[in-house]
Amino acid sequence: MRKWLDPFLCLLAGIGLITAVLWLVATAGDMAGSWEQGLNRVVLMKVLTQTLFGNVWIVHLGVSLILLMCLRLPVRLPTWLPISLSAIQVATLAPVGHASMLDGIGGQLLMFNQLVHLMCVAGWMGALMLLVFVQARPAGHDLRGTLLRFSGYGLVLVAGIIITGLINVRVLTGTLWPTPMTSGFALVLAIKASLVACMLLLALYNRAALNNQRIALHTLRQTVLVEWLCGFAALAAVSLLGTLAPVPLTL
């Protein structure tokens, strides 16, 4: 399974590095007011050295490159190394989104909340991916025991995602839920919340069925795969959410 999983991790790390570079170019172009300026070396250097985004992104790009190099090495590295690099890679996403809207201690607390939110999401989605691979190569694995352990771990992460997500919404919009409901931010947020709710219901169903020994393993494989796909759809919604204003702009 490791031989099957490692090339996939390399692919993900490569995509992460490429999209990080594109993210820098797009952000530079947006700050300069012209997409063409995003490829200007002087503009890129100003963004990297004179903005919070740039300072954080230098670390993000460096860690992304090191992670890809580690995964490509022919020798087997300690497990903690790629995990630590991946954690830093995720952590550097916390200060570059909506969490950077506030200054002072409030902004720092919001960034910390966003960091916890991202770590919970990454842990949940990463574990789901590994679970899909384990179920595809079940020989030598106690699938029921593994799934029961994962379900407890997953519920803790889901609780963290929901609590930190609600804090984000409350701080950024000033309400428990943004209004009007037809606004772009509120609508995309509702889609994301619905997908997370579906994932949670699937996880609860799997846990209850496993405890009662009432579910076939092939059905479990299907529900876990659906849960993982819902997670990807939720991440796609989050990507769009990050481009929208939490509070409708007024003229």
C-alpha atoms as a PDB file:
ATOM      1  CA  MET A   1       0.000   0.000   0.000  1.00  0.00           C
ATOM      2  CA  ARG A   2       2.920   2.326   0.754  1.00  0.00           C
ATOM      3  CA  LYS A   3       4.243   1.886  -2.797  1.00  0.00           C
ATOM      4  CA  TRP A   4       0.795   2.815  -4.109  1.00  0.00           C
ATOM      5  CA  LEU A   5       0.357   5.749  -1.726  1.00  0.00           C
ATOM      6  CA  ASP A   6       3.758   7.467  -2.046  1.00  0.00           C
ATOM      7  CA  PRO A   7       3.431   8.439  -5.752  1.00  0.00           C
ATOM      8  CA  PHE A   8       0.001   9.912  -4.980  1.00  0.00           C
ATOM      9  CA  LEU A   9       1.476  11.984  -2.151  1.00  0.00           C
ATOM     10  CA  CYS A  10       4.209  13.213  -4.519  1.00  0.00           C
ATOM     11  CA  LEU A  11       1.549  14.231  -7.018  1.00  0.00           C
ATOM     12  CA  LEU A  12      -0.366  16.161  -4.345  1.00  0.00           C
ATOM     13  CA  ALA A  13       2.824  17.858  -3.134  1.00  0.00           C
ATOM     14  CA  GLY A  14       3.674  18.857  -6.717  1.00  0.00           C
ATOM     15  CA  ILE A  15       0.208  20.285  -7.278  1.00  0.00           C
ATOM     16  CA  GLY A  16       0.516  22.132  -3.963  1.00  0.00           C
ATOM     17  CA  LEU A  17       3.796  23.762  -5.010  1.00  0.00           C
ATOM     18  CA  ILE A  18       2.554  24.737  -8.491  1.00  0.00           C
ATOM     19  CA  THR A  19      -0.680  26.235  -7.178  1.00  0.00           C
ATOM     20  CA  ALA A  20       1.261  28.099  -4.462  1.00  0.00           C
ATOM     21  CA  VAL A  21       3.330  29.811  -7.177  1.00  0.00           C
ATOM     22  CA  LEU A  22       0.185  30.612  -9.159  1.00  0.00           C
ATOM     23  CA  TRP A  23      -1.434  31.950  -5.978  1.00  0.00           C
ATOM     24  CA  LEU A  24       1.517  34.333  -5.527  1.00  0.00           C
ATOM     25  CA  VAL A  25       1.299  35.542  -9.127  1.00  0.00           C
ATOM     26  CA  ALA A  26      -2.479  36.047  -8.889  1.00  0.00           C
ATOM     27  CA  THR A  27      -2.187  37.921  -5.593  1.00  0.00           C
ATOM     28  CA  ALA A  28       0.580  40.150  -6.928  1.00  0.00           C
ATOM     29  CA  GLY A  29      -1.509  40.938  -9.990  1.00  0.00           C
ATOM     30  CA  ASP A  30      -4.538  41.707  -7.843  1.00  0.00           C
ATOM     31  CA  MET A  31      -2.523  44.035  -5.575  1.00  0.00           C
ATOM     32  CA  ALA A  32      -0.996  45.799  -8.579  1.00  0.00           C
ATOM     33  CA  GLY A  33      -4.367  46.163 -10.278  1.00  0.00           C
ATOM     34  CA  SER A  34      -3.290  44.303 -13.410  1.00  0.00           C
ATOM     35  CA  TRP A  35      -2.877  40.590 -14.102  1.00  0.00           C
ATOM     36  CA  GLU A  36       0.134  41.323 -16.298  1.00  0.00           C
ATOM     37  CA  GLN A  37       1.898  42.945 -13.355  1.00  0.00           C
ATOM     38  CA  GLY A  38       1.650  39.673 -11.471  1.00  0.00           C
ATOM     39  CA  LEU A  39       4.549  38.385 -13.599  1.00  0.00           C
ATOM     40  CA  ASN A  40       6.664  41.500 -13.046  1.00  0.00           C
ATOM     41  CA  ARG A  41       9.742  40.626 -10.996  1.00  0.00           C
ATOM     42  CA  VAL A  42       9.776  43.987  -9.188  1.00  0.00           C
ATOM     43  CA  VAL A  43       6.113  43.655  -8.211  1.00  0.00           C
ATOM     44  CA  LEU A  44       6.616  40.079  -7.042  1.00  0.00           C
ATOM     45  CA  MET A  45       9.584  41.094  -4.869  1.00  0.00           C
ATOM     46  CA  LYS A  46       7.593  43.960  -3.316  1.00  0.00           C
ATOM     47  CA  VAL A  47       4.723  41.606  -2.510  1.00  0.00           C
ATOM     48  CA  LEU A  48       7.089  39.029  -0.993  1.00  0.00           C
ATOM     49  CA  THR A  49       9.100  41.491   1.098  1.00  0.00           C
ATOM     50  CA  GLN A  50       6.645  44.279   1.964  1.00  0.00           C
ATOM     51  CA  THR A  51       3.352  42.526   2.737  1.00  0.00           C
ATOM     52  CA  LEU A  52       2.158  40.093   5.395  1.00  0.00           C
ATOM     53  CA  PHE A  53       0.998  37.747   2.662  1.00  0.00           C
ATOM     54  CA  GLY A  54       4.445  37.800   1.052  1.00  0.00           C
ATOM     55  CA  ASN A  55       6.323  37.173   4.290  1.00  0.00           C
ATOM     56  CA  VAL A  56       4.105  34.194   5.075  1.00  0.00           C
ATOM     57  CA  TRP A  57       4.228  32.963   1.488  1.00  0.00           C
ATOM     58  CA  ILE A  58       8.011  32.804   1.445  1.00  0.00           C
ATOM     59  CA  VAL A  59       7.754  30.216   4.204  1.00  0.00           C
ATOM     60  CA  HIS A  60       4.897  28.446   2.447  1.00  0.00           C
ATOM     61  CA  LEU A  61       6.777  28.163  -0.841  1.00  0.00           C
ATOM     62  CA  GLY A  62       9.968  27.023   0.873  1.00  0.00           C
ATOM     63  CA  VAL A  63       8.200  24.332   2.896  1.00  0.00           C
ATOM     64  CA  SER A  64       6.233  23.188  -0.173  1.00  0.00           C
ATOM     65  CA  LEU A  65       9.465  22.750  -2.121  1.00  0.00           C
ATOM     66  CA  ILE A  66      11.217  20.894   0.720  1.00  0.00           C
ATOM     67  CA  LEU A  67       8.206  18.617   1.180  1.00  0.00           C
ATOM     68  CA  LEU A  68       8.191  17.674  -2.513  1.00  0.00           C
ATOM     69  CA  MET A  69      11.947  17.013  -2.427  1.00  0.00           C
ATOM     70  CA  CYS A  70      11.589  14.806   0.672  1.00  0.00           C
ATOM     71  CA  LEU A  71       8.817  12.763  -0.931  1.00  0.00           C
ATOM     72  CA  ARG A  72      10.879  12.330  -4.096  1.00  0.00           C
ATOM     73  CA  LEU A  73      13.987  11.069  -2.301  1.00  0.00           C
ATOM     74  CA  PRO A  74      14.642   7.346  -2.895  1.00  0.00           C
ATOM     75  CA  VAL A  75      15.385   6.759   0.797  1.00  0.00           C
ATOM     76  CA  ARG A  76      12.719   6.191   3.457  1.00  0.00           C
ATOM     77  CA  LEU A  77      12.555   9.264   5.689  1.00  0.00           C
ATOM     78  CA  PRO A  78      11.226   9.402   9.272  1.00  0.00           C
ATOM     79  CA  THR A  79       7.428   9.655   9.244  1.00  0.00           C
ATOM     80  CA  TRP A  80       7.435  12.781  11.415  1.00  0.00           C
ATOM     81  CA  LEU A  81       9.341  14.809   8.780  1.00  0.00           C
ATOM     82  CA  PRO A  82       6.716  14.977   5.971  1.00  0.00           C
ATOM     83  CA  ILE A  83       3.953  15.244   8.590  1.00  0.00           C
ATOM     84  CA  SER A  84       5.676  18.248  10.196  1.00  0.00           C
ATOM     85  CA  LEU A  85       6.301  19.894   6.822  1.00  0.00           C
ATOM     86  CA  SER A  86       2.679  19.330   5.818  1.00  0.00           C
ATOM     87  CA  ALA A  87       1.495  20.840   9.107  1.00  0.00           C
ATOM     88  CA  ILE A  88       3.618  23.959   8.527  1.00  0.00           C
ATOM     89  CA  GLN A  89       2.319  24.153   4.950  1.00  0.00           C
ATOM     90  CA  VAL A  90      -1.266  24.148   6.237  1.00  0.00           C
ATOM     91  CA  ALA A  91      -0.441  26.560   9.087  1.00  0.00           C
ATOM     92  CA  THR A  92       0.839  29.203   6.656  1.00  0.00           C
ATOM     93  CA  LEU A  93      -2.638  29.374   5.099  1.00  0.00           C
ATOM     94  CA  ALA A  94      -4.118  30.749   8.337  1.00  0.00           C
ATOM     95  CA  PRO A  95      -2.802  34.360   8.102  1.00  0.00           C
ATOM     96  CA  VAL A  96      -3.490  34.941   4.383  1.00  0.00           C
ATOM     97  CA  GLY A  97      -7.288  34.734   4.189  1.00  0.00           C
ATOM     98  CA  HIS A  98     -10.141  36.535   5.895  1.00  0.00           C
ATOM     99  CA  ALA A  99      -8.297  36.133   9.220  1.00  0.00           C
ATOM    100  CA  SER A 100      -5.939  38.956   8.180  1.00  0.00           C
ATOM    101  CA  MET A 101      -8.804  41.465   8.100  1.00  0.00           C
ATOM    102  CA  LEU A 102      -8.407  42.388  11.794  1.00  0.00           C
ATOM    103  CA  ASP A 103      -5.460  44.063  13.532  1.00  0.00           C
ATOM    104  CA  GLY A 104      -4.025  43.701  17.016  1.00  0.00           C
ATOM    105  CA  ILE A 105      -4.873  40.963  19.478  1.00  0.00           C
ATOM    106  CA  GLY A 106      -8.244  40.385  17.807  1.00  0.00           C
ATOM    107  CA  GLY A 107      -6.548  39.613  14.518  1.00  0.00           C
ATOM    108  CA  GLN A 108      -4.033  37.304  16.182  1.00  0.00           C
ATOM    109  CA  LEU A 109      -6.774  35.372  17.963  1.00  0.00           C
ATOM    110  CA  LEU A 110      -8.724  35.055  14.712  1.00  0.00           C
ATOM    111  CA  MET A 111      -5.609  33.739  12.964  1.00  0.00           C
ATOM    112  CA  PHE A 112      -5.127  31.196  15.750  1.00  0.00           C
ATOM    113  CA  ASN A 113      -8.766  30.141  15.436  1.00  0.00           C
ATOM    114  CA  GLN A 114      -8.291  29.780  11.684  1.00  0.00           C
ATOM    115  CA  LEU A 115      -5.135  27.734  12.306  1.00  0.00           C
ATOM    116  CA  VAL A 116      -7.068  25.281  14.503  1.00  0.00           C
ATOM    117  CA  HIS A 117      -9.838  25.160  11.880  1.00  0.00           C
ATOM    118  CA  LEU A 118      -7.392  24.358   9.079  1.00  0.00           C
ATOM    119  CA  MET A 119      -5.565  21.713  11.117  1.00  0.00           C
ATOM    120  CA  CYS A 120      -8.838  19.964  11.909  1.00  0.00           C
ATOM    121  CA  VAL A 121      -9.876  20.031   8.247  1.00  0.00           C
ATOM    122  CA  ALA A 122      -6.468  18.770   7.090  1.00  0.00           C
ATOM    123  CA  GLY A 123      -6.443  16.014   9.700  1.00  0.00           C
ATOM    124  CA  TRP A 124      -9.932  14.855   8.795  1.00  0.00           C
ATOM    125  CA  MET A 125      -9.456  14.934   5.031  1.00  0.00           C
ATOM    126  CA  GLY A 126      -5.993  13.366   5.254  1.00  0.00           C
ATOM    127  CA  ALA A 127      -7.245  10.549   7.464  1.00  0.00           C
ATOM    128  CA  LEU A 128     -10.193   9.944   5.132  1.00  0.00           C
ATOM    129  CA  MET A 129      -7.803   9.666   2.195  1.00  0.00           C
ATOM    130  CA  LEU A 130      -5.669   7.132   4.056  1.00  0.00           C
ATOM    131  CA  LEU A 131      -8.809   5.233   5.059  1.00  0.00           C
ATOM    132  CA  VAL A 132      -9.854   4.984   1.405  1.00  0.00           C
ATOM    133  CA  PHE A 133      -6.445   3.506   0.563  1.00  0.00           C
ATOM    134  CA  VAL A 134      -6.576   1.066   3.500  1.00  0.00           C
ATOM    135  CA  GLN A 135     -10.024  -0.151   2.428  1.00  0.00           C
ATOM    136  CA  ALA A 136      -8.774  -0.660  -1.125  1.00  0.00           C
ATOM    137  CA  ARG A 137      -5.931  -2.869   0.215  1.00  0.00           C
ATOM    138  CA  PRO A 138      -7.595  -4.589   3.194  1.00  0.00           C
ATOM    139  CA  ALA A 139      -5.211  -7.551   3.535  1.00  0.00           C
ATOM    140  CA  GLY A 140      -3.655  -7.601   6.991  1.00  0.00           C
ATOM    141  CA  HIS A 141      -5.865  -4.817   8.346  1.00  0.00           C
ATOM    142  CA  ASP A 142      -8.635  -5.032  10.913  1.00  0.00           C
ATOM    143  CA  LEU A 143     -10.993  -2.768   8.983  1.00  0.00           C
ATOM    144  CA  ARG A 144     -13.738  -2.666  11.593  1.00  0.00           C
ATOM    145  CA  GLY A 145     -11.290  -1.799  14.357  1.00  0.00           C
ATOM    146  CA  THR A 146      -9.601   0.803  12.163  1.00  0.00           C
ATOM    147  CA  LEU A 147     -12.932   2.371  11.212  1.00  0.00           C
ATOM    148  CA  LEU A 148     -14.105   2.506  14.829  1.00  0.00           C
ATOM    149  CA  ARG A 149     -10.892   4.226  15.913  1.00  0.00           C
ATOM    150  CA  PHE A 150     -11.155   6.637  13.008  1.00  0.00           C
ATOM    151  CA  SER A 151     -14.783   7.496  13.761  1.00  0.00           C
ATOM    152  CA  GLY A 152     -13.900   8.635  17.294  1.00  0.00           C
ATOM    153  CA  TYR A 153     -10.945  10.618  15.990  1.00  0.00           C
ATOM    154  CA  GLY A 154     -13.083  12.066  13.200  1.00  0.00           C
ATOM    155  CA  LEU A 155     -15.867  13.230  15.501  1.00  0.00           C
ATOM    156  CA  VAL A 156     -13.371  15.214  17.594  1.00  0.00           C
ATOM    157  CA  LEU A 157     -12.028  16.876  14.447  1.00  0.00           C
ATOM    158  CA  VAL A 158     -15.539  17.620  13.184  1.00  0.00           C
ATOM    159  CA  ALA A 159     -16.389  19.248  16.512  1.00  0.00           C
ATOM    160  CA  GLY A 160     -13.281  21.414  16.140  1.00  0.00           C
ATOM    161  CA  ILE A 161     -14.238  22.336  12.561  1.00  0.00           C
ATOM    162  CA  ILE A 162     -17.784  23.347  13.547  1.00  0.00           C
ATOM    163  CA  ILE A 163     -16.800  25.370  16.626  1.00  0.00           C
ATOM    164  CA  THR A 164     -13.940  27.253  14.950  1.00  0.00           C
ATOM    165  CA  GLY A 165     -16.038  27.751  11.810  1.00  0.00           C
ATOM    166  CA  LEU A 166     -18.858  29.361  13.811  1.00  0.00           C
ATOM    167  CA  ILE A 167     -16.321  31.610  15.548  1.00  0.00           C
ATOM    168  CA  ASN A 168     -14.955  32.684  12.159  1.00  0.00           C
ATOM    169  CA  VAL A 169     -18.421  33.535  10.860  1.00  0.00           C
ATOM    170  CA  ARG A 170     -19.384  35.416  14.052  1.00  0.00           C
ATOM    171  CA  VAL A 171     -16.220  37.533  14.084  1.00  0.00           C
ATOM    172  CA  LEU A 172     -16.120  38.275  10.351  1.00  0.00           C
ATOM    173  CA  THR A 173     -19.812  39.083   9.858  1.00  0.00           C
ATOM    174  CA  GLY A 174     -20.866  40.257  13.317  1.00  0.00           C
ATOM    175  CA  THR A 175     -23.720  37.720  13.361  1.00  0.00           C
ATOM    176  CA  LEU A 176     -24.131  33.984  13.851  1.00  0.00           C
ATOM    177  CA  TRP A 177     -24.998  33.746  10.157  1.00  0.00           C
ATOM    178  CA  PRO A 178     -24.393  36.308   7.385  1.00  0.00           C
ATOM    179  CA  THR A 179     -27.346  38.115   5.850  1.00  0.00           C
ATOM    180  CA  PRO A 180     -28.981  38.471   3.444  1.00  0.00           C
ATOM    181  CA  MET A 181     -29.165  34.744   2.743  1.00  0.00           C
ATOM    182  CA  THR A 182     -29.092  35.443  -0.996  1.00  0.00           C
ATOM    183  CA  SER A 183     -25.701  37.171  -0.800  1.00  0.00           C
ATOM    184  CA  GLY A 184     -22.793  35.324  -2.402  1.00  0.00           C
ATOM    185  CA  PHE A 185     -20.920  34.750   0.869  1.00  0.00           C
ATOM    186  CA  ALA A 186     -23.989  33.459   2.741  1.00  0.00           C
ATOM    187  CA  LEU A 187     -25.059  31.196  -0.121  1.00  0.00           C
ATOM    188  CA  VAL A 188     -21.636  29.574  -0.585  1.00  0.00           C
ATOM    189  CA  LEU A 189     -21.287  29.246   3.195  1.00  0.00           C
ATOM    190  CA  ALA A 190     -24.644  27.436   3.312  1.00  0.00           C
ATOM    191  CA  ILE A 191     -23.454  25.012   0.618  1.00  0.00           C
ATOM    192  CA  LYS A 192     -20.245  24.353   2.568  1.00  0.00           C
ATOM    193  CA  ALA A 193     -22.161  23.829   5.821  1.00  0.00           C
ATOM    194  CA  SER A 194     -24.552  21.414   4.086  1.00  0.00           C
ATOM    195  CA  LEU A 195     -21.662  19.336   2.754  1.00  0.00           C
ATOM    196  CA  VAL A 196     -20.003  19.204   6.176  1.00  0.00           C
ATOM    197  CA  ALA A 197     -23.341  18.163   7.698  1.00  0.00           C
ATOM    198  CA  CYS A 198     -23.588  15.338   5.149  1.00  0.00           C
ATOM    199  CA  MET A 199     -20.091  14.174   6.075  1.00  0.00           C
ATOM    200  CA  LEU A 200     -20.976  14.241   9.761  1.00  0.00           C
ATOM    201  CA  LEU A 201     -24.165  12.234   9.200  1.00  0.00           C
ATOM    202  CA  LEU A 202     -22.248   9.633   7.197  1.00  0.00           C
ATOM    203  CA  ALA A 203     -19.649   9.378   9.954  1.00  0.00           C
ATOM    204  CA  LEU A 204     -22.340   8.938  12.625  1.00  0.00           C
ATOM    205  CA  TYR A 205     -24.106   6.320  10.508  1.00  0.00           C
ATOM    206  CA  ASN A 206     -20.889   4.357  10.008  1.00  0.00           C
ATOM    207  CA  ARG A 207     -20.069   4.468  13.720  1.00  0.00           C
ATOM    208  CA  ALA A 208     -23.543   3.304  14.757  1.00  0.00           C
ATOM    209  CA  ALA A 209     -23.576   0.551  12.133  1.00  0.00           C
ATOM    210  CA  LEU A 210     -20.118  -0.680  13.146  1.00  0.00           C
ATOM    211  CA  ASN A 211     -21.050  -0.777  16.820  1.00  0.00           C
ATOM    212  CA  ASN A 212     -24.134  -2.848  15.980  1.00  0.00           C
ATOM    213  CA  GLN A 213     -22.304  -5.034  13.413  1.00  0.00           C
ATOM    214  CA  ARG A 214     -25.023  -4.184  10.891  1.00  0.00           C
ATOM    215  CA  ILE A 215     -23.064  -2.988   7.874  1.00  0.00           C
ATOM    216  CA  ALA A 216     -21.146  -4.813   5.172  1.00  0.00           C
ATOM    217  CA  LEU A 217     -17.573  -3.754   4.475  1.00  0.00           C
ATOM    218  CA  HIS A 218     -18.294  -2.969   0.820  1.00  0.00           C
ATOM    219  CA  THR A 219     -21.030  -0.566   1.981  1.00  0.00           C
ATOM    220  CA  LEU A 220     -18.537   1.031   4.356  1.00  0.00           C
ATOM    221  CA  ARG A 221     -16.125   1.556   1.476  1.00  0.00           C
ATOM    222  CA  GLN A 222     -18.829   3.348  -0.477  1.00  0.00           C
ATOM    223  CA  THR A 223     -19.891   5.608   2.397  1.00  0.00           C
ATOM    224  CA  VAL A 224     -16.287   6.550   3.249  1.00  0.00           C
ATOM    225  CA  LEU A 225     -15.599   7.371  -0.408  1.00  0.00           C
ATOM    226  CA  VAL A 226     -18.752   9.513  -0.575  1.00  0.00           C
ATOM    227  CA  GLU A 227     -17.671  11.278   2.630  1.00  0.00           C
ATOM    228  CA  TRP A 228     -14.252  12.003   1.115  1.00  0.00           C
ATOM    229  CA  LEU A 229     -15.833  13.374  -2.096  1.00  0.00           C
ATOM    230  CA  CYS A 230     -18.147  15.584  -0.026  1.00  0.00           C
ATOM    231  CA  GLY A 231     -15.033  16.890   1.697  1.00  0.00           C
ATOM    232  CA  PHE A 232     -13.470  17.846  -1.620  1.00  0.00           C
ATOM    233  CA  ALA A 233     -16.682  19.621  -2.638  1.00  0.00           C
ATOM    234  CA  ALA A 234     -16.644  21.505   0.674  1.00  0.00           C
ATOM    235  CA  LEU A 235     -13.021  22.544   0.044  1.00  0.00           C
ATOM    236  CA  ALA A 236     -14.034  23.809  -3.397  1.00  0.00           C
ATOM    237  CA  ALA A 237     -16.757  25.895  -1.734  1.00  0.00           C
ATOM    238  CA  VAL A 238     -14.190  27.264   0.737  1.00  0.00           C
ATOM    239  CA  SER A 239     -11.911  28.262  -2.154  1.00  0.00           C
ATOM    240  CA  LEU A 240     -14.731  30.356  -3.595  1.00  0.00           C
ATOM    241  CA  LEU A 241     -15.675  31.649  -0.137  1.00  0.00           C
ATOM    242  CA  GLY A 242     -12.197  33.102   0.309  1.00  0.00           C
ATOM    243  CA  THR A 243     -12.726  35.428  -2.670  1.00  0.00           C
ATOM    244  CA  LEU A 244     -16.027  36.879  -1.361  1.00  0.00           C
ATOM    245  CA  ALA A 245     -16.609  39.697   1.114  1.00  0.00           C
ATOM    246  CA  PRO A 246     -18.089  38.408   4.408  1.00  0.00           C
ATOM    247  CA  VAL A 247     -20.245  41.531   4.720  1.00  0.00           C
ATOM    248  CA  PRO A 248     -22.069  42.916   1.622  1.00  0.00           C
ATOM    249  CA  LEU A 249     -20.422  46.079   0.338  1.00  0.00           C
ATOM    250  CA  THR A 250     -22.539  49.243   0.483  1.00  0.00           C
ATOM    251  CA  LEU A 251     -22.174  52.296  -1.695  1.00  0.00           C
END
